[in-house]
Amino acid sequence: MIRQFIALITLSVAVTAVFANTQNVTVSGSVINKSDSAGKASVNVGSTVGRVVGSNNTQTVVVNGSLINTASGGGKAAINLGSSVNYAGSNNQVVSVGTIVNSASGGGKSEVNIGSVVKD
């Protein structure tokens, strides 16, 4: 009985070790994320946000430039690159971009999603 229990634990550990979550991000420029006057600004690059992701989740993002994201006056601005936002599945995203500029103001919403899985 003890041998079977040990064998079961060993098998469980071996199976668990196969699954992996990997995020690789390279940014060659700058990242500017700014909010004021009740604005909300977020930048997610090679990220998992809001939920525990599934196994075998891989994100690779290369930014050859800068990311500029601003929100003001109650606006909501978001940049999601190679990210899993509020989604718990397994994903494989590869993204390569240049400079991105995003802005929202006056209660408006502006969102840039490239190679991302986003669930509101």
C-alpha atoms as a PDB file:
ATOM      1  CA  MET A   1       0.000   0.000   0.000  1.00  0.00           C
ATOM      2  CA  ILE A   2       2.778   2.436   0.892  1.00  0.00           C
ATOM      3  CA  ARG A   3       4.689   1.607  -2.321  1.00  0.00           C
ATOM      4  CA  GLN A   4       1.607   2.380  -4.436  1.00  0.00           C
ATOM      5  CA  PHE A   5       1.096   5.659  -2.560  1.00  0.00           C
ATOM      6  CA  ILE A   6       4.737   6.693  -3.110  1.00  0.00           C
ATOM      7  CA  ALA A   7       4.506   5.703  -6.789  1.00  0.00           C
ATOM      8  CA  LEU A   8       1.318   7.789  -7.151  1.00  0.00           C
ATOM      9  CA  ILE A   9       2.977  10.845  -5.593  1.00  0.00           C
ATOM     10  CA  THR A  10       6.037  10.414  -7.836  1.00  0.00           C
ATOM     11  CA  LEU A  11       3.825  10.165 -10.936  1.00  0.00           C
ATOM     12  CA  SER A  12       1.858  13.240  -9.863  1.00  0.00           C
ATOM     13  CA  VAL A  13       5.040  15.290  -9.423  1.00  0.00           C
ATOM     14  CA  ALA A  14       6.381  14.092 -12.786  1.00  0.00           C
ATOM     15  CA  VAL A  15       3.173  15.102 -14.588  1.00  0.00           C
ATOM     16  CA  THR A  16       3.011  18.473 -12.840  1.00  0.00           C
ATOM     17  CA  ALA A  17       6.596  19.302 -13.789  1.00  0.00           C
ATOM     18  CA  VAL A  18       5.745  19.091 -17.521  1.00  0.00           C
ATOM     19  CA  PHE A  19       3.462  22.145 -17.423  1.00  0.00           C
ATOM     20  CA  ALA A  20       5.022  25.595 -17.449  1.00  0.00           C
ATOM     21  CA  ASN A  21       4.110  29.261 -17.676  1.00  0.00           C
ATOM     22  CA  THR A  22       6.728  31.459 -19.332  1.00  0.00           C
ATOM     23  CA  GLN A  23       6.770  35.181 -20.060  1.00  0.00           C
ATOM     24  CA  ASN A  24       9.621  36.838 -22.021  1.00  0.00           C
ATOM     25  CA  VAL A  25       9.571  40.596 -22.642  1.00  0.00           C
ATOM     26  CA  THR A  26      12.133  42.839 -24.347  1.00  0.00           C
ATOM     27  CA  VAL A  27      11.577  46.610 -24.560  1.00  0.00           C
ATOM     28  CA  SER A  28      14.213  48.635 -26.413  1.00  0.00           C
ATOM     29  CA  GLY A  29      12.635  52.045 -25.667  1.00  0.00           C
ATOM     30  CA  SER A  30      10.744  53.512 -22.754  1.00  0.00           C
ATOM     31  CA  VAL A  31       7.405  52.770 -21.116  1.00  0.00           C
ATOM     32  CA  ILE A  32       5.315  55.752 -19.990  1.00  0.00           C
ATOM     33  CA  ASN A  33       2.061  55.004 -18.185  1.00  0.00           C
ATOM     34  CA  LYS A  34       0.382  58.091 -16.682  1.00  0.00           C
ATOM     35  CA  SER A  35      -3.021  58.898 -15.234  1.00  0.00           C
ATOM     36  CA  ASP A  36      -4.449  61.979 -13.548  1.00  0.00           C
ATOM     37  CA  SER A  37      -7.816  63.618 -12.785  1.00  0.00           C
ATOM     38  CA  ALA A  38      -9.564  60.322 -11.943  1.00  0.00           C
ATOM     39  CA  GLY A  39      -8.147  58.636 -15.068  1.00  0.00           C
ATOM     40  CA  LYS A  40      -7.059  55.004 -15.115  1.00  0.00           C
ATOM     41  CA  ALA A  41      -4.099  53.880 -17.225  1.00  0.00           C
ATOM     42  CA  SER A  42      -2.679  50.342 -17.455  1.00  0.00           C
ATOM     43  CA  VAL A  43       0.025  48.666 -19.518  1.00  0.00           C
ATOM     44  CA  ASN A  44       0.228  44.844 -19.622  1.00  0.00           C
ATOM     45  CA  VAL A  45       3.119  43.384 -21.613  1.00  0.00           C
ATOM     46  CA  GLY A  46       3.594  39.597 -21.549  1.00  0.00           C
ATOM     47  CA  SER A  47       1.337  39.529 -18.509  1.00  0.00           C
ATOM     48  CA  THR A  48      -1.326  37.444 -16.912  1.00  0.00           C
ATOM     49  CA  VAL A  49      -3.828  39.687 -15.139  1.00  0.00           C
ATOM     50  CA  GLY A  50      -6.969  39.016 -13.142  1.00  0.00           C
ATOM     51  CA  ARG A  51      -7.022  35.210 -13.010  1.00  0.00           C
ATOM     52  CA  VAL A  52      -4.800  32.216 -12.475  1.00  0.00           C
ATOM     53  CA  VAL A  53      -3.808  31.028 -15.941  1.00  0.00           C
ATOM     54  CA  GLY A  54      -3.838  27.464 -17.185  1.00  0.00           C
ATOM     55  CA  SER A  55      -0.779  25.336 -17.745  1.00  0.00           C
ATOM     56  CA  ASN A  56       1.428  25.703 -20.814  1.00  0.00           C
ATOM     57  CA  ASN A  57       0.928  29.471 -21.018  1.00  0.00           C
ATOM     58  CA  THR A  58       3.681  31.197 -23.025  1.00  0.00           C
ATOM     59  CA  GLN A  59       4.016  34.854 -23.930  1.00  0.00           C
ATOM     60  CA  THR A  60       6.885  36.420 -25.861  1.00  0.00           C
ATOM     61  CA  VAL A  61       6.812  40.155 -26.569  1.00  0.00           C
ATOM     62  CA  VAL A  62       9.402  42.346 -28.303  1.00  0.00           C
ATOM     63  CA  VAL A  63       8.845  46.120 -28.316  1.00  0.00           C
ATOM     64  CA  ASN A  64      11.216  47.916 -30.709  1.00  0.00           C
ATOM     65  CA  GLY A  65      10.283  51.392 -29.570  1.00  0.00           C
ATOM     66  CA  SER A  66       8.308  52.955 -26.749  1.00  0.00           C
ATOM     67  CA  LEU A  67       4.910  52.447 -25.135  1.00  0.00           C
ATOM     68  CA  ILE A  68       3.103  55.668 -24.164  1.00  0.00           C
ATOM     69  CA  ASN A  69      -0.250  55.349 -22.405  1.00  0.00           C
ATOM     70  CA  THR A  70      -2.157  58.190 -20.691  1.00  0.00           C
ATOM     71  CA  ALA A  71      -5.598  58.678 -19.147  1.00  0.00           C
ATOM     72  CA  SER A  72      -7.195  61.804 -17.664  1.00  0.00           C
ATOM     73  CA  GLY A  73     -10.559  63.249 -16.747  1.00  0.00           C
ATOM     74  CA  GLY A  74     -12.089  59.894 -15.875  1.00  0.00           C
ATOM     75  CA  GLY A  75     -10.823  58.239 -19.058  1.00  0.00           C
ATOM     76  CA  LYS A  76      -9.587  54.638 -19.173  1.00  0.00           C
ATOM     77  CA  ALA A  77      -6.578  53.784 -21.354  1.00  0.00           C
ATOM     78  CA  ALA A  78      -5.000  50.332 -21.655  1.00  0.00           C
ATOM     79  CA  ILE A  79      -2.277  48.698 -23.716  1.00  0.00           C
ATOM     80  CA  ASN A  80      -2.285  44.868 -23.681  1.00  0.00           C
ATOM     81  CA  LEU A  81       0.514  43.179 -25.644  1.00  0.00           C
ATOM     82  CA  GLY A  82       0.825  39.386 -25.576  1.00  0.00           C
ATOM     83  CA  SER A  83      -1.206  39.283 -22.392  1.00  0.00           C
ATOM     84  CA  SER A  84      -3.962  37.200 -20.875  1.00  0.00           C
ATOM     85  CA  VAL A  85      -6.417  39.535 -19.108  1.00  0.00           C
ATOM     86  CA  ASN A  86      -9.247  38.012 -17.052  1.00  0.00           C
ATOM     87  CA  TYR A  87      -8.899  34.702 -18.894  1.00  0.00           C
ATOM     88  CA  ALA A  88      -7.811  31.475 -17.224  1.00  0.00           C
ATOM     89  CA  GLY A  89      -7.041  29.287 -20.258  1.00  0.00           C
ATOM     90  CA  SER A  90      -3.713  28.240 -21.724  1.00  0.00           C
ATOM     91  CA  ASN A  91      -2.350  30.566 -24.406  1.00  0.00           C
ATOM     92  CA  ASN A  92       0.644  30.975 -26.683  1.00  0.00           C
ATOM     93  CA  GLN A  93       1.253  34.554 -27.826  1.00  0.00           C
ATOM     94  CA  VAL A  94       4.185  35.973 -29.785  1.00  0.00           C
ATOM     95  CA  VAL A  95       4.135  39.731 -30.486  1.00  0.00           C
ATOM     96  CA  SER A  96       6.624  42.127 -32.052  1.00  0.00           C
ATOM     97  CA  VAL A  97       5.700  45.820 -32.313  1.00  0.00           C
ATOM     98  CA  GLY A  98       7.189  49.271 -32.689  1.00  0.00           C
ATOM     99  CA  THR A  99       6.110  52.416 -30.816  1.00  0.00           C
ATOM    100  CA  ILE A 100       2.507  52.573 -29.546  1.00  0.00           C
ATOM    101  CA  VAL A 101       0.798  55.752 -28.308  1.00  0.00           C
ATOM    102  CA  ASN A 102      -2.614  55.442 -26.598  1.00  0.00           C
ATOM    103  CA  SER A 103      -4.689  58.036 -24.723  1.00  0.00           C
ATOM    104  CA  ALA A 104      -8.181  58.477 -23.251  1.00  0.00           C
ATOM    105  CA  SER A 105      -9.853  61.473 -21.592  1.00  0.00           C
ATOM    106  CA  GLY A 106     -13.236  62.874 -20.573  1.00  0.00           C
ATOM    107  CA  GLY A 107     -14.700  59.545 -19.491  1.00  0.00           C
ATOM    108  CA  GLY A 108     -13.745  57.860 -22.763  1.00  0.00           C
ATOM    109  CA  LYS A 109     -12.133  54.451 -23.134  1.00  0.00           C
ATOM    110  CA  SER A 110      -9.220  53.598 -25.405  1.00  0.00           C
ATOM    111  CA  GLU A 111      -7.712  50.137 -25.503  1.00  0.00           C
ATOM    112  CA  VAL A 112      -4.958  48.604 -27.648  1.00  0.00           C
ATOM    113  CA  ASN A 113      -4.930  44.780 -27.724  1.00  0.00           C
ATOM    114  CA  ILE A 114      -2.293  43.033 -29.819  1.00  0.00           C
ATOM    115  CA  GLY A 115      -1.789  39.279 -29.477  1.00  0.00           C
ATOM    116  CA  SER A 116      -3.823  39.287 -26.262  1.00  0.00           C
ATOM    117  CA  VAL A 117      -6.782  37.399 -24.861  1.00  0.00           C
ATOM    118  CA  VAL A 118      -8.956  39.962 -23.050  1.00  0.00           C
ATOM    119  CA  LYS A 119     -12.256  39.202 -21.302  1.00  0.00           C
ATOM    120  CA  ASP A 120     -14.127  42.054 -19.630  1.00  0.00           C
END
